[in-house]
Protein backbone atom coordinates (compact mmCIF):
# COMPACT_ATOMS: atom_id res chain seq x y z
CA UNK A 1 0.00 0.00 0.00
CA UNK A 2 1.39 3.34 -0.98
CA UNK A 3 2.01 5.77 1.86
CA UNK A 4 0.85 9.41 1.54
CA UNK A 5 3.80 11.64 2.24
CA UNK A 6 4.56 15.28 2.07
CA UNK A 7 6.37 14.62 -1.21
CA UNK A 8 3.11 13.63 -2.89
CA UNK A 9 0.41 16.15 -3.47
CA UNK A 10 -2.77 15.21 -1.65
CA UNK A 11 -5.10 14.92 -4.56
CA UNK A 12 -8.29 12.99 -5.08
CA UNK A 13 -6.56 10.54 -7.33
CA UNK A 14 -3.92 9.84 -4.71
CA UNK A 15 -6.50 9.35 -1.98
CA UNK A 16 -8.62 7.13 -4.20
CA UNK A 17 -5.63 5.07 -5.20
CA UNK A 18 -4.67 4.68 -1.55
CA UNK A 19 -8.19 3.55 -0.67
CA UNK A 20 -8.20 1.04 -3.49
CA UNK A 21 -4.84 -0.28 -2.40
CA UNK A 22 -6.06 -0.62 1.20
CA UNK A 23 -9.19 -2.38 -0.02
CA UNK A 24 -7.15 -4.81 -2.11
CA UNK A 25 -4.81 -5.49 0.81
CA UNK A 26 -7.69 -6.09 3.23
CA UNK A 27 -9.42 -8.31 0.71
CA UNK A 28 -6.32 -10.42 0.32
CA UNK A 29 -5.79 -10.44 4.12
CA UNK A 30 -9.37 -11.52 4.76
CA UNK A 31 -9.13 -14.16 2.05
CA UNK A 32 -5.89 -15.56 3.58
CA UNK A 33 -7.44 -15.42 7.05
CA UNK A 34 -10.54 -17.22 5.78
CA UNK A 35 -8.36 -19.84 4.06
CA UNK A 36 -6.36 -20.38 7.21
CA UNK A 37 -9.52 -20.60 9.30
CA UNK A 38 -10.94 -23.15 6.87
CA UNK A 39 -7.68 -25.09 7.01
CA UNK A 40 -7.74 -24.88 10.80
CA UNK A 41 -11.36 -26.02 10.81
CA UNK A 42 -10.46 -28.90 8.46
CA UNK A 43 -7.61 -29.92 10.71
CA UNK A 44 -9.81 -29.63 13.77
CA UNK A 45 -12.38 -31.84 12.07
CA UNK A 46 -9.66 -34.33 11.15
CA UNK A 47 -8.35 -34.22 14.71
CA UNK A 48 -11.86 -34.71 16.05
CA UNK A 49 -12.33 -37.63 13.66
CA UNK A 50 -9.05 -39.12 14.76
CA UNK A 51 -9.98 -38.65 18.40
CA UNK A 52 -13.31 -40.31 17.74
CA UNK A 53 -11.51 -43.16 15.95
CA UNK A 54 -9.02 -43.41 18.81
CA UNK A 55 -11.89 -43.44 21.28
CA UNK A 56 -13.62 -46.14 19.24
CA UNK A 57 -10.44 -48.22 19.14
CA UNK A 58 -9.93 -47.75 22.87
CA UNK A 59 -13.50 -48.83 23.50
CA UNK A 60 -13.01 -51.84 21.24
CA UNK A 61 -9.77 -52.65 23.06
CA UNK A 62 -11.56 -52.28 26.38
CA UNK A 63 -14.26 -54.68 25.15
CA UNK A 64 -11.61 -57.06 23.86
CA UNK A 65 -9.81 -56.89 27.22
CA UNK A 66 -13.08 -57.61 28.99
CA UNK A 67 -13.71 -60.54 26.64
CA UNK A 68 -10.15 -61.76 27.11
CA UNK A 69 -10.52 -61.50 30.89
CA UNK A 70 -13.82 -63.40 30.68
CA UNK A 71 -12.27 -66.10 28.53
CA UNK A 72 -9.31 -66.40 30.92
CA UNK A 73 -11.70 -66.76 33.87
CA UNK A 74 -13.62 -69.39 31.93
CA UNK A 75 -10.38 -71.18 31.11
CA UNK A 76 -9.33 -71.06 34.78
CA UNK A 77 -12.71 -72.45 35.78
CA UNK A 78 -12.46 -75.28 33.27
CA UNK A 79 -8.89 -76.06 34.35
CA UNK A 80 -9.99 -76.18 37.98
CA UNK A 81 -12.81 -78.53 37.05
CA UNK A 82 -10.44 -80.65 34.98
CA UNK A 83 -7.83 -80.91 37.75
CA UNK A 84 -10.58 -81.62 40.27
CA UNK A 85 -11.88 -84.45 38.08
CA UNK A 86 -8.33 -85.66 37.51
CA UNK A 87 -7.61 -85.69 41.25
CA UNK A 88 -10.84 -87.56 41.95
CA UNK A 89 -10.00 -90.06 39.20
CA UNK A 90 -6.43 -90.45 40.53
CA UNK A 91 -7.65 -91.07 44.07
CA UNK A 92 -10.26 -93.52 42.82
CA UNK A 93 -7.59 -95.29 40.74
CA UNK A 94 -5.25 -95.53 43.72
CA UNK A 95 -8.08 -96.85 45.87
CA UNK A 96 -8.94 -99.45 43.25
CA UNK A 97 -5.27 -100.44 42.86
CA UNK A 98 -4.85 -100.81 46.62
CA UNK A 99 -7.99 -102.89 46.75
CA UNK A 100 -6.76 -104.99 43.85
CA UNK A 101 -3.30 -105.36 45.40
CA UNK A 102 -4.95 -106.48 48.60
CA UNK A 103 -7.03 -109.04 46.73
CA UNK A 104 -4.07 -110.25 44.68
CA UNK A 105 -1.94 -110.43 47.82
CA UNK A 106 -4.63 -112.36 49.64
CA UNK A 107 -5.10 -114.61 46.61
CA UNK A 108 -1.35 -115.28 46.37
CA UNK A 109 -1.10 -115.83 50.11
CA UNK A 110 -4.02 -118.26 50.07
CA UNK A 111 -2.52 -120.20 47.17
CA UNK A 112 0.90 -120.18 48.81
CA UNK A 113 -0.60 -121.42 52.07
CA UNK A 114 -2.50 -124.13 50.22
CA UNK A 115 0.70 -125.32 48.52
CA UNK A 116 2.61 -125.33 51.81
CA UNK A 117 -0.19 -127.22 53.52
CA UNK A 118 -0.37 -129.73 50.69
CA UNK A 119 3.33 -130.57 50.57
CA UNK A 120 3.78 -130.44 54.34
CA UNK A 121 0.97 -132.94 54.84
CA UNK A 122 2.41 -135.15 52.10
CA UNK A 123 5.82 -135.23 53.77
CA UNK A 124 4.38 -135.68 57.22
CA UNK A 125 2.03 -138.52 56.35
CA UNK A 126 4.09 -140.39 53.77
CA UNK A 127 6.20 -143.14 55.34
CA UNK A 128 8.57 -143.50 52.40
CA UNK A 129 12.08 -142.12 52.48
CA UNK A 130 12.96 -138.79 50.97
CA UNK A 131 16.22 -138.13 49.13
CA UNK A 132 17.24 -141.71 49.90
CA UNK A 133 17.07 -141.08 53.65
CA UNK A 134 14.58 -141.37 56.46
CA UNK A 135 13.87 -138.14 58.30
CA UNK A 136 12.93 -138.11 61.95
CA UNK A 137 11.35 -134.68 62.16
CA UNK A 138 9.71 -132.06 59.99
CA UNK A 139 9.25 -128.33 60.51
CA UNK A 140 7.04 -125.81 58.74
CA UNK A 141 7.74 -122.09 58.39
CA UNK A 142 10.88 -122.54 60.42
CA UNK A 143 12.62 -119.32 61.46
CA UNK A 144 16.24 -119.03 62.59
CA UNK A 145 17.79 -115.71 63.47
CA UNK A 146 20.76 -113.93 64.99
CA UNK A 147 21.21 -110.30 65.98
CA UNK A 148 22.11 -109.41 62.40
CA UNK A 149 20.32 -111.96 60.25
CA UNK A 150 17.04 -113.82 59.93
CA UNK A 151 16.01 -116.70 57.72
CA UNK A 152 12.65 -118.36 57.12
CA UNK A 153 12.32 -121.82 55.60
CA UNK A 154 9.04 -123.23 54.29
CA UNK A 155 9.70 -126.90 55.13
CA UNK A 156 12.73 -128.44 56.85
CA UNK A 157 13.33 -132.18 57.26
CA UNK A 158 15.74 -133.40 59.94
CA UNK A 159 17.64 -136.52 60.92
CA UNK A 160 20.91 -137.06 62.73
CA UNK A 161 23.06 -136.54 59.60
CA UNK A 162 21.01 -134.65 57.05
CA UNK A 163 18.93 -131.50 56.62
CA UNK A 164 16.53 -131.13 53.69
CA UNK A 165 15.34 -127.57 53.00
CA UNK A 166 12.33 -127.29 50.74
CA UNK A 167 11.11 -124.04 49.23
CA UNK A 168 7.40 -124.21 48.40
CA UNK A 169 5.69 -122.28 45.59
CA UNK A 170 2.22 -122.48 44.18
CA UNK A 171 3.70 -121.87 40.71
CA UNK A 172 7.49 -121.81 40.60
CA UNK A 173 9.52 -119.66 38.19
CA UNK A 174 13.11 -119.34 37.00
CA UNK A 175 13.93 -116.61 39.52
CA UNK A 176 13.03 -118.98 42.37
CA UNK A 177 16.18 -121.00 41.68
CA UNK A 178 18.46 -118.32 43.14
CA UNK A 179 16.22 -118.03 46.19
CA UNK A 180 16.46 -121.77 46.79
CA UNK A 181 20.25 -121.78 46.43
CA UNK A 182 20.58 -118.95 48.97
CA UNK A 183 18.63 -120.98 51.51
CA UNK A 184 21.57 -123.34 52.02
CA UNK A 185 24.04 -120.52 52.66
CA UNK A 186 21.63 -118.76 55.02
CA UNK A 187 20.94 -121.97 56.93
CA UNK A 188 24.66 -122.69 57.34
CA UNK A 189 25.25 -119.18 58.69
CA UNK A 190 22.30 -119.25 61.09
CA UNK A 191 22.67 -122.84 62.31
CA UNK A 192 26.36 -123.61 62.93
CA UNK A 193 25.35 -126.53 65.17
CA UNK A 194 24.36 -128.38 61.99
CA UNK A 195 27.81 -127.92 60.42
CA UNK A 196 28.42 -131.64 60.26
CA UNK A 197 25.09 -132.30 58.54
CA UNK A 198 24.58 -132.67 54.85
CA UNK A 199 22.17 -130.09 53.41
CA UNK A 200 19.88 -130.92 50.52
CA UNK A 201 17.69 -128.45 48.65
CA UNK A 202 14.33 -129.00 47.05
CA UNK A 203 11.81 -126.89 45.14
CA UNK A 204 8.18 -127.93 45.62
CA UNK A 205 5.52 -126.54 43.31
CA UNK A 206 2.09 -127.49 42.08
CA UNK A 207 3.09 -126.20 38.64
CA UNK A 208 6.36 -126.98 36.85
CA UNK A 209 7.55 -126.58 33.26
CA UNK A 210 10.35 -128.38 31.41
CA UNK A 211 12.87 -125.52 31.38
CA UNK A 212 12.49 -124.99 35.12
CA UNK A 213 12.97 -128.67 35.83
CA UNK A 214 16.16 -128.68 33.75
CA UNK A 215 17.40 -125.65 35.70
CA UNK A 216 16.76 -127.45 38.99
CA UNK A 217 18.68 -130.49 37.77
CA UNK A 218 21.62 -128.34 36.63
CA UNK A 219 21.85 -126.83 40.13
CA UNK A 220 21.39 -130.09 42.05
CA UNK A 221 17.97 -129.12 43.43
CA UNK A 222 15.33 -131.80 43.95
CA UNK A 223 12.09 -131.37 42.02
CA UNK A 224 9.01 -131.98 44.13
CA UNK A 225 5.73 -131.81 42.26
CA UNK A 226 2.18 -133.04 42.19
CA UNK A 227 1.39 -135.78 39.71
CA UNK A 228 -2.24 -136.80 39.95
CA UNK A 229 -2.99 -137.41 43.62
CA UNK A 230 0.62 -138.11 44.54
CA UNK A 231 3.76 -136.13 45.33
CA UNK A 232 6.65 -137.11 43.09
CA UNK A 233 10.27 -136.33 44.02
CA UNK A 234 12.91 -136.20 41.28
CA UNK A 235 16.24 -136.29 43.10
CA UNK A 236 18.58 -138.19 40.76
CA UNK A 237 20.66 -135.03 40.22
CA UNK A 238 20.63 -134.03 43.89
CA UNK A 239 23.85 -132.71 45.41
CA UNK A 240 24.98 -131.73 48.90
CA UNK A 241 25.25 -128.02 49.77
C-alpha cells in the first residue's frame, strides 16, 4: 500500500488510489485469514475424527480386554474342574489299585498257604524215604535268626546226619532257583550246630515246566511236584550243599 507523504500532493486521485490499495490489501488479508480458518477447521475436524476413531479403538480394546478376561476366567474355571476331576480319578484309581493289590496279595497268600499245607501234609504222612534217607522230624515255616540276620524256611526235614530244605511255591519260576540256592548258605550261617550235617535243597511246586525242571537239575535241586494225587520227588541229580 502506498504511503501518503509530504512529497506527494494530496489529490483525489492519490486518496482514491490509496483507498483502493487498502481495499485490495484487506481483501487479500481476509481471504488468507478465511483460508487459514478453513484449514484450521479442516484440521480440527480431522483431529476430532481421529480422536473419535481413537476413542472407538480404545472402546473396542476395552471390550476385547473384557472378553479376554472373561475367557481367561472361563479357562481357569475349566482347568480347575479338569484338575478336580483328575484328582478324583487319581484317588479312585489308587483306591482301586490298593484294593486290587490287597485281593491279589490275599489270593497269592491263600494259594501259597495251600501249597505249603499240601506238601507239608504229604511229607508228614508219607512213610517212604525222601532223598534216599529217612527223616525223623519235619518243621514248617521254620525261622532261625541272629542279631544281624534272619532266615525263614518253608519246610525243613531233619535226621541225625542230614537236613533237607524245601522251598514251596504255588507256581514256581526261573527266579526262584536263586532263592532256593541262597537258603543253604543262610541256613549254614544261622545254624552252625548243623555244620556236620549234609544239606539238601528241594523246590516244591504245584506247577512246573520243562525248562524250570532242567534248571533245577543243573543246580542239584530236587524237584518236588504233584502228579495226579501223589507227590513225586525227582532227586537223581541231587547234590549236597
